[in-house]
Amino acid sequence: METTLKVNGMSCAHCVKAVEGSVGKLAGVASVKVHLEAGKVDVKYDADQVSLNEIKEAIDDQGYEVEE
């Protein structure tokens, strides 16, 4: 599956590394790409291995807010 999440609070290269690193470590995530200027995160993942909620929680755990 592929999804694009709107994420608030990302402002620098550290934010990109934090989000890409935490989401990228999840089992079932094939790729994650942060678009800093747009405040968006593209995620490709296997829904049989990881849920969208788990991906959102990983971003939230880094201190960023995922919009619904």
PDB file of N, CA and C in Angstrom:
ATOM      1  N   MET A   1       0.838  -1.182   0.000  1.00  0.00           N
ATOM      2  CA  MET A   1       0.000   0.000   0.000  1.00  0.00           C
ATOM      3  C   MET A   1       0.878   1.239   0.000  1.00  0.00           C
ATOM      4  N   GLU A   2       0.296   2.326  -0.484  1.00  0.00           N
ATOM      5  CA  GLU A   2       0.983   3.609  -0.442  1.00  0.00           C
ATOM      6  C   GLU A   2       0.047   4.629   0.172  1.00  0.00           C
ATOM      7  N   THR A   3       0.613   5.521   0.985  1.00  0.00           N
ATOM      8  CA  THR A   3      -0.183   6.594   1.566  1.00  0.00           C
ATOM      9  C   THR A   3       0.676   7.832   1.728  1.00  0.00           C
ATOM     10  N   THR A   4       0.037   8.977   1.773  1.00  0.00           N
ATOM     11  CA  THR A   4       0.717  10.236   2.071  1.00  0.00           C
ATOM     12  C   THR A   4       0.063  10.820   3.311  1.00  0.00           C
ATOM     13  N   LEU A   5       0.887  11.078   4.311  1.00  0.00           N
ATOM     14  CA  LEU A   5       0.400  11.633   5.574  1.00  0.00           C
ATOM     15  C   LEU A   5       0.790  13.094   5.671  1.00  0.00           C
ATOM     16  N   LYS A   6      -0.103  13.915   6.198  1.00  0.00           N
ATOM     17  CA  LYS A   6       0.193  15.322   6.470  1.00  0.00           C
ATOM     18  C   LYS A   6       0.717  15.377   7.891  1.00  0.00           C
ATOM     19  N   VAL A   7       1.939  15.919   8.048  1.00  0.00           N
ATOM     20  CA  VAL A   7       2.591  15.932   9.353  1.00  0.00           C
ATOM     21  C   VAL A   7       2.978  17.358   9.720  1.00  0.00           C
ATOM     22  N   ASN A   8       2.584  17.782  10.900  1.00  0.00           N
ATOM     23  CA  ASN A   8       2.907  19.124  11.392  1.00  0.00           C
ATOM     24  C   ASN A   8       4.130  19.076  12.295  1.00  0.00           C
ATOM     25  N   GLY A   9       4.929  20.151  12.261  1.00  0.00           N
ATOM     26  CA  GLY A   9       6.040  20.301  13.191  1.00  0.00           C
ATOM     27  C   GLY A   9       7.405  19.985  12.621  1.00  0.00           C
ATOM     28  N   MET A  10       7.474  19.488  11.389  1.00  0.00           N
ATOM     29  CA  MET A  10       8.774  19.191  10.788  1.00  0.00           C
ATOM     30  C   MET A  10       9.345  20.468  10.181  1.00  0.00           C
ATOM     31  N   SER A  11      10.610  20.782  10.524  1.00  0.00           N
ATOM     32  CA  SER A  11      11.157  22.055  10.051  1.00  0.00           C
ATOM     33  C   SER A  11      12.612  21.998   9.590  1.00  0.00           C
ATOM     34  N   CYS A  12      13.283  20.852   9.768  1.00  0.00           N
ATOM     35  CA  CYS A  12      14.712  20.836   9.447  1.00  0.00           C
ATOM     36  C   CYS A  12      15.162  19.426   9.051  1.00  0.00           C
ATOM     37  N   ALA A  13      16.422  19.319   8.699  1.00  0.00           N
ATOM     38  CA  ALA A  13      16.989  18.035   8.285  1.00  0.00           C
ATOM     39  C   ALA A  13      16.915  17.003   9.414  1.00  0.00           C
ATOM     40  N   HIS A  14      17.058  17.444  10.647  1.00  0.00           N
ATOM     41  CA  HIS A  14      16.940  16.512  11.773  1.00  0.00           C
ATOM     42  C   HIS A  14      15.544  15.900  11.812  1.00  0.00           C
ATOM     43  N   CYS A  15      14.526  16.718  11.527  1.00  0.00           N
ATOM     44  CA  CYS A  15      13.145  16.217  11.510  1.00  0.00           C
ATOM     45  C   CYS A  15      12.998  15.120  10.464  1.00  0.00           C
ATOM     46  N   VAL A  16      13.577  15.357   9.292  1.00  0.00           N
ATOM     47  CA  VAL A  16      13.513  14.375   8.204  1.00  0.00           C
ATOM     48  C   VAL A  16      14.150  13.066   8.647  1.00  0.00           C
ATOM     49  N   LYS A  17      15.345  13.147   9.224  1.00  0.00           N
ATOM     50  CA  LYS A  17      16.050  11.937   9.668  1.00  0.00           C
ATOM     51  C   LYS A  17      15.270  11.216  10.762  1.00  0.00           C
ATOM     52  N   ALA A  18      14.687  11.966  11.683  1.00  0.00           N
ATOM     53  CA  ALA A  18      13.947  11.353  12.792  1.00  0.00           C
ATOM     54  C   ALA A  18      12.737  10.584  12.268  1.00  0.00           C
ATOM     55  N   VAL A  19      11.978  11.198  11.375  1.00  0.00           N
ATOM     56  CA  VAL A  19      10.771  10.550  10.857  1.00  0.00           C
ATOM     57  C   VAL A  19      11.136   9.388   9.943  1.00  0.00           C
ATOM     58  N   GLU A  20      12.043   9.628   8.992  1.00  0.00           N
ATOM     59  CA  GLU A  20      12.421   8.551   8.065  1.00  0.00           C
ATOM     60  C   GLU A  20      13.061   7.391   8.813  1.00  0.00           C
ATOM     61  N   GLY A  21      13.862   7.697   9.839  1.00  0.00           N
ATOM     62  CA  GLY A  21      14.521   6.652  10.614  1.00  0.00           C
ATOM     63  C   GLY A  21      13.540   5.812  11.416  1.00  0.00           C
ATOM     64  N   SER A  22      12.624   6.474  12.111  1.00  0.00           N
ATOM     65  CA  SER A  22      11.695   5.729  12.972  1.00  0.00           C
ATOM     66  C   SER A  22      10.687   4.928  12.152  1.00  0.00           C
ATOM     67  N   VAL A  23      10.151   5.514  11.093  1.00  0.00           N
ATOM     68  CA  VAL A  23       9.179   4.791  10.270  1.00  0.00           C
ATOM     69  C   VAL A  23       9.890   3.705   9.462  1.00  0.00           C
ATOM     70  N   GLY A  24      11.070   4.011   8.958  1.00  0.00           N
ATOM     71  CA  GLY A  24      11.823   3.059   8.148  1.00  0.00           C
ATOM     72  C   GLY A  24      12.219   1.798   8.886  1.00  0.00           C
ATOM     73  N   LYS A  25      12.296   1.868  10.229  1.00  0.00           N
ATOM     74  CA  LYS A  25      12.669   0.709  11.037  1.00  0.00           C
ATOM     75  C   LYS A  25      11.513  -0.266  11.237  1.00  0.00           C
ATOM     76  N   LEU A  26      10.298   0.181  10.975  1.00  0.00           N
ATOM     77  CA  LEU A  26       9.136  -0.688  11.198  1.00  0.00           C
ATOM     78  C   LEU A  26       9.125  -1.842  10.200  1.00  0.00           C
ATOM     79  N   ALA A  27       8.813  -3.040  10.698  1.00  0.00           N
ATOM     80  CA  ALA A  27       8.696  -4.196   9.817  1.00  0.00           C
ATOM     81  C   ALA A  27       7.549  -3.965   8.845  1.00  0.00           C
ATOM     82  N   GLY A  28       7.797  -4.218   7.580  1.00  0.00           N
ATOM     83  CA  GLY A  28       6.753  -4.067   6.579  1.00  0.00           C
ATOM     84  C   GLY A  28       6.783  -2.754   5.825  1.00  0.00           C
ATOM     85  N   VAL A  29       7.607  -1.801   6.286  1.00  0.00           N
ATOM     86  CA  VAL A  29       7.718  -0.521   5.581  1.00  0.00           C
ATOM     87  C   VAL A  29       8.758  -0.669   4.482  1.00  0.00           C
ATOM     88  N   ALA A  30       8.324  -0.474   3.237  1.00  0.00           N
ATOM     89  CA  ALA A  30       9.230  -0.614   2.090  1.00  0.00           C
ATOM     90  C   ALA A  30      10.016   0.664   1.857  1.00  0.00           C
ATOM     91  N   SER A  31       9.350   1.815   2.000  1.00  0.00           N
ATOM     92  CA  SER A  31      10.053   3.090   1.813  1.00  0.00           C
ATOM     93  C   SER A  31       9.292   4.194   2.522  1.00  0.00           C
ATOM     94  N   VAL A  32      10.050   5.230   2.886  1.00  0.00           N
ATOM     95  CA  VAL A  32       9.464   6.419   3.508  1.00  0.00           C
ATOM     96  C   VAL A  32      10.219   7.626   2.989  1.00  0.00           C
ATOM     97  N   LYS A  33       9.493   8.645   2.563  1.00  0.00           N
ATOM     98  CA  LYS A  33      10.095   9.852   2.009  1.00  0.00           C
ATOM     99  C   LYS A  33       9.399  11.063   2.599  1.00  0.00           C
ATOM    100  N   VAL A  34      10.178  11.922   3.261  1.00  0.00           N
ATOM    101  CA  VAL A  34       9.638  13.149   3.844  1.00  0.00           C
ATOM    102  C   VAL A  34       9.784  14.281   2.842  1.00  0.00           C
ATOM    103  N   HIS A  35       8.707  15.022   2.646  1.00  0.00           N
ATOM    104  CA  HIS A  35       8.715  16.240   1.823  1.00  0.00           C
ATOM    105  C   HIS A  35       8.575  17.400   2.799  1.00  0.00           C
ATOM    106  N   LEU A  36       9.730  17.919   3.236  1.00  0.00           N
ATOM    107  CA  LEU A  36       9.781  18.884   4.331  1.00  0.00           C
ATOM    108  C   LEU A  36       8.952  20.129   4.049  1.00  0.00           C
ATOM    109  N   GLU A  37       9.145  20.742   2.878  1.00  0.00           N
ATOM    110  CA  GLU A  37       8.458  21.989   2.560  1.00  0.00           C
ATOM    111  C   GLU A  37       6.944  21.810   2.527  1.00  0.00           C
ATOM    112  N   ALA A  38       6.489  20.650   2.061  1.00  0.00           N
ATOM    113  CA  ALA A  38       5.056  20.390   1.951  1.00  0.00           C
ATOM    114  C   ALA A  38       4.465  19.867   3.265  1.00  0.00           C
ATOM    115  N   GLY A  39       5.328  19.442   4.182  1.00  0.00           N
ATOM    116  CA  GLY A  39       4.841  18.873   5.435  1.00  0.00           C
ATOM    117  C   GLY A  39       4.152  17.543   5.233  1.00  0.00           C
ATOM    118  N   LYS A  40       4.687  16.761   4.281  1.00  0.00           N
ATOM    119  CA  LYS A  40       4.059  15.474   3.959  1.00  0.00           C
ATOM    120  C   LYS A  40       5.076  14.343   4.033  1.00  0.00           C
ATOM    121  N   VAL A  41       4.562  13.151   4.286  1.00  0.00           N
ATOM    122  CA  VAL A  41       5.388  11.953   4.355  1.00  0.00           C
ATOM    123  C   VAL A  41       4.728  10.883   3.492  1.00  0.00           C
ATOM    124  N   ASP A  42       5.466  10.411   2.480  1.00  0.00           N
ATOM    125  CA  ASP A  42       4.996   9.307   1.640  1.00  0.00           C
ATOM    126  C   ASP A  42       5.513   8.006   2.228  1.00  0.00           C
ATOM    127  N   VAL A  43       4.630   7.036   2.378  1.00  0.00           N
ATOM    128  CA  VAL A  43       5.017   5.745   2.944  1.00  0.00           C
ATOM    129  C   VAL A  43       4.486   4.628   2.052  1.00  0.00           C
ATOM    130  N   LYS A  44       5.370   3.692   1.702  1.00  0.00           N
ATOM    131  CA  LYS A  44       4.962   2.453   1.032  1.00  0.00           C
ATOM    132  C   LYS A  44       5.155   1.345   2.053  1.00  0.00           C
ATOM    133  N   TYR A  45       4.107   0.540   2.241  1.00  0.00           N
ATOM    134  CA  TYR A  45       4.184  -0.486   3.280  1.00  0.00           C
ATOM    135  C   TYR A  45       3.311  -1.686   2.955  1.00  0.00           C
ATOM    136  N   ASP A  46       3.598  -2.787   3.647  1.00  0.00           N
ATOM    137  CA  ASP A  46       2.829  -4.022   3.532  1.00  0.00           C
ATOM    138  C   ASP A  46       1.819  -4.047   4.680  1.00  0.00           C
ATOM    139  N   ALA A  47       0.556  -3.888   4.350  1.00  0.00           N
ATOM    140  CA  ALA A  47      -0.491  -3.809   5.375  1.00  0.00           C
ATOM    141  C   ALA A  47      -0.631  -5.098   6.171  1.00  0.00           C
ATOM    142  N   ASP A  48      -0.084  -6.211   5.668  1.00  0.00           N
ATOM    143  CA  ASP A  48      -0.121  -7.466   6.420  1.00  0.00           C
ATOM    144  C   ASP A  48       0.908  -7.466   7.549  1.00  0.00           C
ATOM    145  N   GLN A  49       1.907  -6.579   7.455  1.00  0.00           N
ATOM    146  CA  GLN A  49       2.981  -6.563   8.461  1.00  0.00           C
ATOM    147  C   GLN A  49       2.929  -5.354   9.391  1.00  0.00           C
ATOM    148  N   VAL A  50       2.382  -4.247   8.923  1.00  0.00           N
ATOM    149  CA  VAL A  50       2.346  -3.032   9.747  1.00  0.00           C
ATOM    150  C   VAL A  50       1.062  -2.264   9.429  1.00  0.00           C
ATOM    151  N   SER A  51       0.461  -1.689  10.466  1.00  0.00           N
ATOM    152  CA  SER A  51      -0.775  -0.931  10.258  1.00  0.00           C
ATOM    153  C   SER A  51      -0.467   0.549  10.078  1.00  0.00           C
ATOM    154  N   LEU A  52      -1.405   1.251   9.487  1.00  0.00           N
ATOM    155  CA  LEU A  52      -1.253   2.696   9.330  1.00  0.00           C
ATOM    156  C   LEU A  52      -1.157   3.363  10.696  1.00  0.00           C
ATOM    157  N   ASN A  53      -1.882   2.847  11.678  1.00  0.00           N
ATOM    158  CA  ASN A  53      -1.810   3.405  13.032  1.00  0.00           C
ATOM    159  C   ASN A  53      -0.411   3.265  13.617  1.00  0.00           C
ATOM    160  N   GLU A  54       0.250   2.138  13.365  1.00  0.00           N
ATOM    161  CA  GLU A  54       1.613   1.951  13.870  1.00  0.00           C
ATOM    162  C   GLU A  54       2.565   2.957  13.232  1.00  0.00           C
ATOM    163  N   ILE A  55       2.359   3.242  11.960  1.00  0.00           N
ATOM    164  CA  ILE A  55       3.186   4.229  11.265  1.00  0.00           C
ATOM    165  C   ILE A  55       2.944   5.614  11.859  1.00  0.00           C
ATOM    166  N   LYS A  56       1.682   5.951  12.084  1.00  0.00           N
ATOM    167  CA  LYS A  56       1.343   7.244  12.685  1.00  0.00           C
ATOM    168  C   LYS A  56       1.930   7.363  14.089  1.00  0.00           C
ATOM    169  N   GLU A  57       1.873   6.277  14.859  1.00  0.00           N
ATOM    170  CA  GLU A  57       2.433   6.286  16.211  1.00  0.00           C
ATOM    171  C   GLU A  57       3.937   6.506  16.190  1.00  0.00           C
ATOM    172  N   ALA A  58       4.628   5.917  15.212  1.00  0.00           N
ATOM    173  CA  ALA A  58       6.080   6.092  15.108  1.00  0.00           C
ATOM    174  C   ALA A  58       6.416   7.561  14.851  1.00  0.00           C
ATOM    175  N   ILE A  59       5.616   8.226  14.029  1.00  0.00           N
ATOM    176  CA  ILE A  59       5.831   9.658  13.762  1.00  0.00           C
ATOM    177  C   ILE A  59       5.501  10.466  15.005  1.00  0.00           C
ATOM    178  N   ASP A  60       4.392  10.142  15.650  1.00  0.00           N
ATOM    179  CA  ASP A  60       3.973  10.831  16.871  1.00  0.00           C
ATOM    180  C   ASP A  60       5.028  10.694  17.966  1.00  0.00           C
ATOM    181  N   ASP A  61       5.632   9.513  18.066  1.00  0.00           N
ATOM    182  CA  ASP A  61       6.669   9.264  19.080  1.00  0.00           C
ATOM    183  C   ASP A  61       7.893  10.150  18.879  1.00  0.00           C
ATOM    184  N   GLN A  62       8.094  10.637  17.659  1.00  0.00           N
ATOM    185  CA  GLN A  62       9.216  11.535  17.384  1.00  0.00           C
ATOM    186  C   GLN A  62       8.857  12.999  17.692  1.00  0.00           C
ATOM    187  N   GLY A  63       7.608  13.233  18.073  1.00  0.00           N
ATOM    188  CA  GLY A  63       7.190  14.571  18.471  1.00  0.00           C
ATOM    189  C   GLY A  63       6.484  15.374  17.402  1.00  0.00           C
ATOM    190  N   TYR A  64       6.014  14.701  16.360  1.00  0.00           N
ATOM    191  CA  TYR A  64       5.321  15.384  15.274  1.00  0.00           C
ATOM    192  C   TYR A  64       3.865  14.944  15.242  1.00  0.00           C
ATOM    193  N   GLU A  65       3.007  15.841  14.783  1.00  0.00           N
ATOM    194  CA  GLU A  65       1.570  15.576  14.769  1.00  0.00           C
ATOM    195  C   GLU A  65       1.111  15.170  13.380  1.00  0.00           C
ATOM    196  N   VAL A  66       0.464  14.011  13.304  1.00  0.00           N
ATOM    197  CA  VAL A  66      -0.094  13.530  12.038  1.00  0.00           C
ATOM    198  C   VAL A  66      -1.536  14.002  11.968  1.00  0.00           C
ATOM    199  N   GLU A  67      -1.871  14.716  10.888  1.00  0.00           N
ATOM    200  CA  GLU A  67      -3.250  15.176  10.707  1.00  0.00           C
ATOM    201  C   GLU A  67      -4.082  14.030  10.154  1.00  0.00           C
ATOM    202  N   GLU A  68      -5.340  14.003  10.570  1.00  0.00           N
ATOM    203  CA  GLU A  68      -6.263  12.975  10.059  1.00  0.00           C
ATOM    204  C   GLU A  68      -6.859  13.412   8.741  1.00  0.00           C
TER     205      GLU A  68
END
